[in-house]
Protein backbone atom coordinates (compact mmCIF):
# COMPACT_ATOMS: atom_id res chain seq x y z
CA UNK A 1 139.75 83.49 24.73
CA UNK A 2 138.07 80.00 24.76
CA UNK A 3 135.15 79.18 27.18
CA UNK A 4 137.25 76.44 28.80
CA UNK A 5 139.97 78.84 29.73
CA UNK A 6 137.54 81.46 31.04
CA UNK A 7 135.83 78.80 33.33
CA UNK A 8 139.21 77.76 34.71
CA UNK A 9 140.05 81.34 35.52
CA UNK A 10 136.68 81.77 37.04
CA UNK A 11 137.16 78.73 39.32
CA UNK A 12 140.66 79.86 40.19
CA UNK A 13 139.29 83.22 41.31
CA UNK A 14 136.78 81.67 43.60
CA UNK A 15 139.33 79.20 44.93
CA UNK A 16 141.54 82.10 46.07
CA UNK A 17 138.52 83.54 47.88
CA UNK A 18 138.02 86.52 45.71
CA UNK A 19 134.48 87.99 46.41
CA UNK A 20 131.81 86.31 44.18
CA UNK A 21 130.62 89.69 42.75
CA UNK A 22 134.19 90.61 41.94
CA UNK A 23 134.94 87.26 40.35
CA UNK A 24 131.83 87.52 38.16
CA UNK A 25 132.49 91.02 37.09
CA UNK A 26 136.19 90.29 36.21
CA UNK A 27 135.08 87.16 34.35
CA UNK A 28 132.38 89.14 32.39
CA UNK A 29 135.14 91.67 31.10
CA UNK A 30 138.13 89.20 30.74
CA UNK A 31 137.36 88.15 27.19
CA UNK A 32 137.35 91.84 26.03
CA UNK A 33 140.52 92.58 27.89
CA UNK A 34 142.25 89.57 26.42
CA UNK A 35 141.06 90.73 22.82
CA UNK A 36 142.45 94.26 23.66
CA UNK A 37 145.95 92.97 24.25
CA UNK A 38 145.82 91.03 21.03
CA UNK A 39 144.57 93.93 18.88
CA UNK A 40 145.46 97.15 20.91
CA UNK A 41 142.15 98.56 19.89
CA UNK A 42 141.41 101.08 22.62
CA UNK A 43 138.13 102.29 21.11
CA UNK A 44 136.62 98.70 20.99
CA UNK A 45 137.81 98.30 24.57
CA UNK A 46 136.14 101.43 25.81
CA UNK A 47 132.97 100.51 23.94
CA UNK A 48 132.96 97.02 25.51
CA UNK A 49 133.60 98.53 29.02
CA UNK A 50 130.50 100.81 28.48
CA UNK A 51 128.44 97.72 27.48
CA UNK A 52 129.79 95.97 30.66
CA UNK A 53 128.58 98.84 32.92
CA UNK A 54 125.19 99.05 31.02
CA UNK A 55 124.85 95.19 31.57
CA UNK A 56 125.60 95.57 35.24
CA UNK A 57 122.79 98.16 35.56
CA UNK A 58 120.37 96.23 33.43
CA UNK A 59 121.12 93.09 35.68
CA UNK A 60 119.04 94.58 38.53
CA UNK A 61 116.59 96.64 36.52
CA UNK A 62 113.74 94.12 36.66
CA UNK A 63 110.44 94.42 38.39
CA UNK A 64 110.44 90.78 39.34
CA UNK A 65 113.60 91.11 41.32
CA UNK A 66 111.85 93.52 43.75
CA UNK A 67 110.32 90.41 45.40
CA UNK A 68 113.80 89.38 46.72
CA UNK A 69 114.32 92.41 49.21
CA UNK A 70 110.67 92.05 50.25
CA UNK A 71 110.94 88.38 51.21
CA UNK A 72 114.22 88.95 52.92
CA UNK A 73 112.49 91.76 55.06
CA UNK A 74 109.50 89.50 55.80
CA UNK A 75 111.63 86.63 56.79
CA UNK A 76 113.58 89.06 59.19
CA UNK A 77 110.44 90.27 60.67
CA UNK A 78 108.95 86.83 61.34
CA UNK A 79 112.23 85.61 62.71
CA UNK A 80 112.55 88.53 65.16
CA UNK A 81 108.75 88.30 66.06
CA UNK A 82 109.15 84.60 67.03
CA UNK A 83 106.51 83.47 64.41
CA UNK A 84 108.35 80.02 64.21
CA UNK A 85 107.56 79.54 67.96
CA UNK A 86 103.85 79.94 67.37
CA UNK A 87 103.82 77.58 64.34
CA UNK A 88 105.61 74.94 66.43
CA UNK A 89 103.27 74.88 69.32
CA UNK A 90 100.31 73.62 67.31
CA UNK A 91 102.37 70.68 65.87
CA UNK A 92 103.75 69.88 69.34
CA UNK A 93 100.41 69.70 70.69
CA UNK A 94 99.41 66.86 68.63
CA UNK A 95 102.84 65.08 68.02
CA UNK A 96 104.95 65.45 71.22
CA UNK A 97 103.84 62.07 72.72
CA UNK A 98 104.32 60.12 69.47
CA UNK A 99 107.38 58.39 68.26
CA UNK A 100 109.54 60.85 66.45
CA UNK A 101 106.92 63.43 67.20
CA UNK A 102 109.02 66.38 68.35
CA UNK A 103 111.50 66.11 65.45
CA UNK A 104 108.47 65.78 63.18
CA UNK A 105 106.95 68.97 64.70
CA UNK A 106 110.26 70.79 64.01
CA UNK A 107 110.08 69.58 60.38
CA UNK A 108 106.56 70.66 59.82
CA UNK A 109 107.22 73.97 61.45
CA UNK A 110 110.13 74.55 59.21
CA UNK A 111 107.71 73.91 56.17
CA UNK A 112 105.36 76.41 57.34
CA UNK A 113 107.95 78.93 58.24
CA UNK A 114 109.74 78.53 54.81
CA UNK A 115 106.37 79.48 53.17
CA UNK A 116 106.76 83.00 54.40
CA UNK A 117 110.56 83.50 54.44
CA UNK A 118 111.71 82.24 51.02
CA UNK A 119 115.21 81.56 52.22
CA UNK A 120 116.95 78.52 53.44
CA UNK A 121 119.53 80.12 55.89
CA UNK A 122 116.71 82.52 57.36
CA UNK A 123 114.69 79.29 58.08
CA UNK A 124 117.47 77.52 59.77
CA UNK A 125 118.18 80.55 61.80
CA UNK A 126 114.52 81.20 62.74
CA UNK A 127 113.43 77.65 63.50
CA UNK A 128 116.96 76.35 64.73
CA UNK A 129 117.38 78.98 67.41
CA UNK A 130 114.12 77.90 69.02
CA UNK A 131 113.99 74.19 68.28
CA UNK A 132 117.65 72.85 68.84
CA UNK A 133 117.78 73.83 72.42
CA UNK A 134 114.43 72.37 72.98
CA UNK A 135 115.27 69.09 71.34
CA UNK A 136 118.48 68.83 73.30
CA UNK A 137 116.59 69.36 76.45
CA UNK A 138 114.04 66.52 75.56
CA UNK A 139 117.04 64.06 75.23
CA UNK A 140 117.78 64.21 71.46
CA UNK A 141 121.51 64.21 70.56
CA UNK A 142 122.57 67.82 69.80
CA UNK A 143 124.72 66.76 66.79
CA UNK A 144 121.80 64.95 65.24
CA UNK A 145 119.24 67.64 65.98
CA UNK A 146 121.58 70.40 64.49
CA UNK A 147 122.19 68.40 61.34
CA UNK A 148 118.41 67.71 60.98
CA UNK A 149 117.53 71.29 61.12
CA UNK A 150 120.40 72.22 58.81
CA UNK A 151 119.18 69.91 56.16
CA UNK A 152 115.45 70.50 56.70
CA UNK A 153 116.23 74.31 56.24
CA UNK A 154 116.79 73.55 52.55
CA UNK A 155 113.01 73.24 52.15
CA UNK A 156 113.06 77.09 52.67
CA UNK A 157 114.13 77.56 49.01
CA UNK A 158 112.11 74.54 47.53
CA UNK A 159 108.63 75.56 49.03
CA UNK A 160 106.98 78.76 47.75
CA UNK A 161 107.47 81.60 47.89
CA UNK A 162 111.26 81.20 47.24
CA UNK A 163 114.01 83.71 46.36
CA UNK A 164 115.66 81.13 44.00
CA UNK A 165 112.40 80.83 41.92
CA UNK A 166 112.43 84.65 41.54
CA UNK A 167 116.09 84.39 40.36
CA UNK A 168 115.43 81.53 37.93
CA UNK A 169 112.46 83.44 36.54
CA UNK A 170 114.52 86.59 36.04
CA UNK A 171 117.39 84.56 34.37
CA UNK A 172 115.17 82.58 31.93
CA UNK A 173 111.89 84.45 31.57
CA UNK A 174 109.93 81.49 33.13
CA UNK A 175 106.66 82.54 34.90
CA UNK A 176 107.54 82.94 38.60
CA UNK A 177 104.00 82.41 39.77
CA UNK A 178 104.04 78.98 38.06
CA UNK A 179 107.44 78.16 39.73
CA UNK A 180 105.90 78.99 43.08
CA UNK A 181 102.86 76.72 42.61
CA UNK A 182 105.06 73.96 41.10
CA UNK A 183 107.14 73.86 44.22
CA UNK A 184 104.20 72.81 46.49
CA UNK A 185 104.12 69.08 45.70
CA UNK A 186 107.91 68.68 45.69
CA UNK A 187 108.08 70.40 49.06
CA UNK A 188 105.56 67.91 50.46
CA UNK A 189 107.51 65.02 48.92
CA UNK A 190 110.61 66.12 50.66
CA UNK A 191 108.99 66.52 54.00
CA UNK A 192 107.37 63.07 53.76
CA UNK A 193 110.80 61.56 53.11
CA UNK A 194 112.36 63.64 55.96
CA UNK A 195 109.59 62.42 58.23
CA UNK A 196 110.14 58.86 57.35
CA UNK A 197 113.92 59.13 57.90
CA UNK A 198 113.24 60.76 61.34
CA UNK A 199 110.86 57.95 62.39
CA UNK A 200 113.35 55.22 61.44
CA UNK A 201 116.17 57.12 63.30
CA UNK A 202 114.04 57.49 66.50
CA UNK A 203 112.85 53.94 66.35
CA UNK A 204 116.48 52.67 66.19
CA UNK A 205 118.06 55.04 68.72
CA UNK A 206 115.16 55.48 71.15
CA UNK A 207 113.67 58.55 72.94
CA UNK A 208 113.29 59.85 76.40
CA UNK A 209 109.65 59.05 76.71
CA UNK A 210 109.42 60.36 80.27
CA UNK A 211 110.57 63.91 79.17
CA UNK A 212 108.48 63.82 75.95
CA UNK A 213 105.24 63.05 78.01
CA UNK A 214 106.14 65.65 80.62
CA UNK A 215 106.60 68.27 77.73
CA UNK A 216 103.27 67.09 75.96
CA UNK A 217 101.38 67.53 79.19
CA UNK A 218 102.88 70.86 79.59
CA UNK A 219 101.98 71.92 76.12
CA UNK A 220 98.31 70.67 76.59
CA UNK A 221 97.96 72.24 79.84
CA UNK A 222 95.98 75.33 78.59
CA UNK A 223 93.95 73.27 76.19
CA UNK A 224 93.60 73.22 72.35
CA UNK A 225 91.80 76.38 72.06
CA UNK A 226 94.50 78.39 73.63
CA UNK A 227 97.25 76.95 71.41
CA UNK A 228 95.05 77.20 68.40
CA UNK A 229 94.30 80.78 69.04
CA UNK A 230 97.96 81.53 69.54
CA UNK A 231 99.15 79.78 66.37
CA UNK A 232 96.18 80.58 64.08
CA UNK A 233 97.38 83.83 62.59
CA UNK A 234 100.86 82.41 62.06
CA UNK A 235 99.55 79.41 60.19
CA UNK A 236 97.30 81.70 58.19
CA UNK A 237 100.43 83.52 56.66
CA UNK A 238 101.28 81.01 53.90
CA UNK A 239 97.61 80.57 53.08
CA UNK A 240 97.42 84.39 52.49
CA UNK A 241 100.64 84.79 50.60
CA UNK A 242 100.31 81.68 48.37
CA UNK A 243 96.57 81.98 47.99
CA UNK A 244 97.07 85.62 46.69
CA UNK A 245 99.36 84.20 43.90
CA UNK A 246 97.25 81.07 43.22
CA UNK A 247 94.01 82.93 42.79
CA UNK A 248 95.53 85.64 40.66
CA UNK A 249 94.81 88.36 43.15
CA UNK A 250 98.61 89.32 43.34
CA UNK A 251 101.76 88.58 41.24
CA UNK A 252 104.74 87.14 43.09
CA UNK A 253 106.34 90.62 43.64
CA UNK A 254 103.08 91.99 45.06
CA UNK A 255 102.69 88.95 47.16
CA UNK A 256 106.13 89.72 48.82
CA UNK A 257 104.90 92.98 49.81
CA UNK A 258 101.80 91.28 51.32
CA UNK A 259 104.17 89.10 53.23
CA UNK A 260 105.97 92.08 54.61
CA UNK A 261 102.63 93.72 55.65
CA UNK A 262 101.30 90.59 57.16
CA UNK A 263 104.48 89.77 59.10
CA UNK A 264 104.48 93.39 60.55
CA UNK A 265 100.84 92.94 61.50
CA UNK A 266 101.52 89.70 63.30
CA UNK A 267 104.70 90.77 65.17
CA UNK A 268 103.65 94.20 66.05
CA UNK A 269 99.90 94.18 66.49
CA UNK A 270 98.68 90.56 67.07
CA UNK A 271 101.66 89.01 69.15
CA UNK A 272 103.31 92.20 70.12
CA UNK A 273 106.77 90.44 70.07
CA UNK A 274 108.59 93.18 68.09
CA UNK A 275 109.10 96.85 69.22
CA UNK A 276 110.20 99.76 67.04
CA UNK A 277 113.91 99.63 67.97
CA UNK A 278 113.98 95.91 67.08
CA UNK A 279 112.09 96.84 63.79
CA UNK A 280 114.79 99.28 62.85
CA UNK A 281 117.57 96.52 63.21
CA UNK A 282 115.48 94.21 61.05
CA UNK A 283 115.30 96.79 58.25
CA UNK A 284 118.93 97.45 58.50
CA UNK A 285 119.85 93.83 58.40
CA UNK A 286 117.55 93.28 55.26
CA UNK A 287 119.10 96.24 53.46
CA UNK A 288 122.74 94.85 54.32
CA UNK A 289 121.68 91.43 53.02
CA UNK A 290 120.10 92.65 49.83
CA UNK A 291 122.91 95.20 49.07
CA UNK A 292 125.43 92.41 48.98
CA UNK A 293 123.09 90.25 46.89
CA UNK A 294 122.52 93.28 44.51
CA UNK A 295 126.23 93.32 43.45
CA UNK A 296 126.15 89.46 42.76
CA UNK A 297 122.93 89.85 40.73
CA UNK A 298 124.30 92.63 38.53
CA UNK A 299 127.65 90.82 37.94
CA UNK A 300 126.09 87.42 37.39
CA UNK A 301 123.90 88.82 34.61
CA UNK A 302 126.74 90.66 32.96
CA UNK A 303 128.80 87.47 33.05
CA UNK A 304 125.78 85.49 31.79
CA UNK A 305 125.51 87.85 28.72
CA UNK A 306 129.26 87.48 28.05
CA UNK A 307 128.75 83.61 28.00
CA UNK A 308 126.01 84.02 25.49
CA UNK A 309 128.06 86.24 23.22
CA UNK A 310 130.74 83.48 23.30
CA UNK A 311 128.11 80.98 22.34
CA UNK A 312 128.66 78.96 25.64
CA UNK A 313 125.15 77.57 25.90
CA UNK A 314 125.26 76.12 22.30
CA UNK A 315 128.84 74.82 22.74
CA UNK A 316 127.89 72.93 26.12
CA UNK A 317 124.70 71.76 24.56
CA UNK A 318 126.55 70.32 21.57
CA UNK A 319 129.17 68.63 23.97
CA UNK A 320 126.59 67.13 26.30
CA UNK A 321 124.18 65.91 23.48
CA UNK A 322 127.07 64.76 21.33
CA UNK A 323 128.39 62.56 24.24
CA UNK A 324 125.08 61.45 25.80
CA UNK A 325 122.17 60.47 23.72
CA UNK A 326 119.29 59.51 26.04
CA UNK A 327 116.99 61.72 28.01
CA UNK A 328 117.86 59.90 31.34
CA UNK A 329 121.57 60.04 30.70
CA UNK A 330 121.61 63.86 29.94
CA UNK A 331 119.36 64.73 32.92
CA UNK A 332 121.63 62.66 35.32
CA UNK A 333 124.70 64.50 33.85
CA UNK A 334 123.18 67.98 34.30
CA UNK A 335 122.18 67.04 37.79
CA UNK A 336 125.56 65.78 38.72
CA UNK A 337 127.12 68.84 37.45
CA UNK A 338 124.77 71.26 39.25
CA UNK A 339 125.28 69.28 42.42
CA UNK A 340 129.10 69.67 41.97
CA UNK A 341 128.72 73.48 41.29
CA UNK A 342 126.48 73.91 44.25
CA UNK A 343 129.14 72.64 46.69
CA UNK A 344 131.22 75.89 46.04
CA UNK A 345 129.10 78.41 44.19
CA UNK A 346 126.44 80.39 46.01
CA UNK A 347 122.76 79.87 44.84
CA UNK A 348 122.45 83.44 43.23
CA UNK A 349 125.31 83.19 40.74
CA UNK A 350 124.79 79.52 40.18
CA UNK A 351 121.26 79.94 39.13
CA UNK A 352 121.84 83.07 37.10
CA UNK A 353 124.73 81.41 35.23
CA UNK A 354 123.74 77.81 34.72
CA UNK A 355 119.95 78.27 34.14
CA UNK A 356 120.49 79.99 30.81
CA UNK A 357 123.22 77.30 30.00
CA UNK A 358 121.17 74.25 30.69
CA UNK A 359 117.59 75.16 30.23
CA UNK A 360 117.85 75.15 26.36
CA UNK A 361 119.29 71.61 26.63
CA UNK A 362 116.58 70.39 28.92
CA UNK A 363 113.87 72.02 26.72
CA UNK A 364 115.43 70.42 23.61
CA UNK A 365 115.04 67.01 25.46
CA UNK A 366 111.21 67.73 26.14
CA UNK A 367 111.45 69.09 29.62
CA UNK A 368 109.03 71.87 30.70
CA UNK A 369 110.94 75.07 31.77
CA UNK A 370 108.95 74.97 35.13
CA UNK A 371 109.98 71.37 35.71
CA UNK A 372 113.58 72.22 35.14
CA UNK A 373 113.34 75.21 37.38
CA UNK A 374 112.08 73.19 40.40
CA UNK A 375 114.74 70.47 39.73
CA UNK A 376 117.46 73.17 39.66
CA UNK A 377 116.29 74.89 42.91
CA UNK A 378 116.30 71.37 44.53
CA UNK A 379 119.94 71.01 43.56
CA UNK A 380 120.63 74.40 45.14
CA UNK A 381 118.87 73.28 48.35
CA UNK A 382 121.27 70.41 48.60
CA UNK A 383 124.07 72.83 48.04
CA UNK A 384 123.13 74.58 51.33
CA UNK A 385 124.34 71.65 53.37
CA UNK A 386 127.35 70.37 51.24
CA UNK A 387 130.91 71.48 51.89
CA UNK A 388 132.79 73.71 51.29
CA UNK A 389 130.05 76.32 50.97
CA UNK A 390 127.14 74.92 53.01
CA UNK A 391 125.51 78.04 54.16
CA UNK A 392 123.06 76.25 56.35
CA UNK A 393 125.87 74.42 58.05
CA UNK A 394 127.50 77.88 58.92
CA UNK A 395 124.20 79.04 60.35
CA UNK A 396 123.53 75.98 62.36
CA UNK A 397 127.14 75.90 63.58
CA UNK A 398 126.76 79.50 64.84
CA UNK A 399 123.57 78.53 66.74
CA UNK A 400 125.16 75.46 68.62
CA UNK A 401 128.84 76.20 68.49
CA UNK A 402 129.40 72.61 66.97
CA UNK A 403 132.38 72.33 64.52
CA UNK A 404 131.19 72.42 60.95
CA UNK A 405 132.71 69.16 60.14
CA UNK A 406 130.77 67.47 62.99
CA UNK A 407 127.45 68.93 61.52
CA UNK A 408 128.43 67.77 58.02
CA UNK A 409 129.14 64.24 59.06
CA UNK A 410 125.73 63.87 60.78
CA UNK A 411 123.99 65.58 57.64
CA UNK A 412 125.07 63.04 55.13
CA UNK A 413 122.10 60.60 55.80
CA UNK A 414 119.27 63.16 55.80
CA UNK A 415 120.86 64.76 52.64
CA UNK A 416 120.12 61.43 50.87
CA UNK A 417 116.42 62.13 51.32
CA UNK A 418 116.85 65.33 49.20
CA UNK A 419 118.90 63.42 46.56
CA UNK A 420 116.12 60.78 46.40
CA UNK A 421 113.48 63.58 46.05
CA UNK A 422 115.67 65.19 43.47
CA UNK A 423 115.81 62.24 41.15
CA UNK A 424 112.07 61.32 41.66
CA UNK A 425 111.19 64.96 40.66
CA UNK A 426 113.69 64.89 37.68
CA UNK A 427 112.19 61.84 36.17
CA UNK A 428 108.42 62.19 37.19
CA UNK A 429 107.30 65.47 35.76
CA UNK A 430 103.92 65.13 37.49
CA UNK A 431 105.50 66.19 40.82
CA UNK A 432 106.27 69.70 39.41
CA UNK A 433 103.53 70.18 36.85
CA UNK A 434 100.39 68.75 38.52
CA UNK A 435 99.21 72.00 39.80
CA UNK A 436 100.12 74.47 37.02
């Protein structure tokens, strides 16, 4: 079976809504099944089936991957514990009376929250549930507010700690700690571009200054010290988590456990916003989320190894480098392909399949593996808000009840900020490599 036929069948299975894990598992075994029909060799078929099962098990047998359920759990605890509210208050204290101040406070809160959750959809759910009703109450358009938070939630996978960075590290052997650190400056760049877009939008469309000034006075009523004390422990979370990695005190997996312990400490002891019954629900939800992800992880690794045996990376590299000869052209083609795949393929299988395929090409052109990893994750962040998959769109739609197409329409302009950041980061290695 040729690689082209295998990919076509893979896309067909996705198009008919076959579960992603099943699609990957079938695609991983399909070449062997076709070979059996040609040769009738039962012994070889059973051997290959045993290899497939072993690959499925090996796909999830990695210490690095333990960080994923820990970050999922930490994000769930912080969402239930209302940590995003605490982060928001300190930014609102300083910005609520400024032009675009409230949307800017939401964007900055999203950045800080994402540094503890590692997930785009979790960030949208935690921040959006609190922020969208407040923005609407203060006079901002509900469609614009919902779209802004759906897009901004993509920062949840670009800023460290990030589950996609863990997946990329597991798929390629790249140092996850370096990926985490490399994501800091790109996150700041994206936030700056989003803040600039928000300022221009609010200048053009205006704001309800009367409501904003009244809210600002309400936030400041108890004074700065009260707001600071309430927000301090929440703002310390990313410092502890990232600081432990940056200083070498903890590996990324260990930092994920620190995130869980610290989020429990905040929610149960400091803020007392989470009781034992709610904690049980958070654990069950985290297990359900990771169990689904586990099957996709296993099947994606098995499919990736099938592609390697079929020499797919070498053939794709030869095709791209035979057609395009310059660094700029090849990087643009790779990014366009990843953007396209991100519209219909979930982050986990996309990274586990595409990273081993494209990383050798990028490295051959002189790109650092960490630089490529950051670029790829930003592509996946854009995929969170592009149809037909658009997980962040689904989450934000469930919060507000707005039709998905309405949110998508209003997301197009802020998505451009992510695309601008993507190409700046792709062609200026300093953004990704300055801190490592």
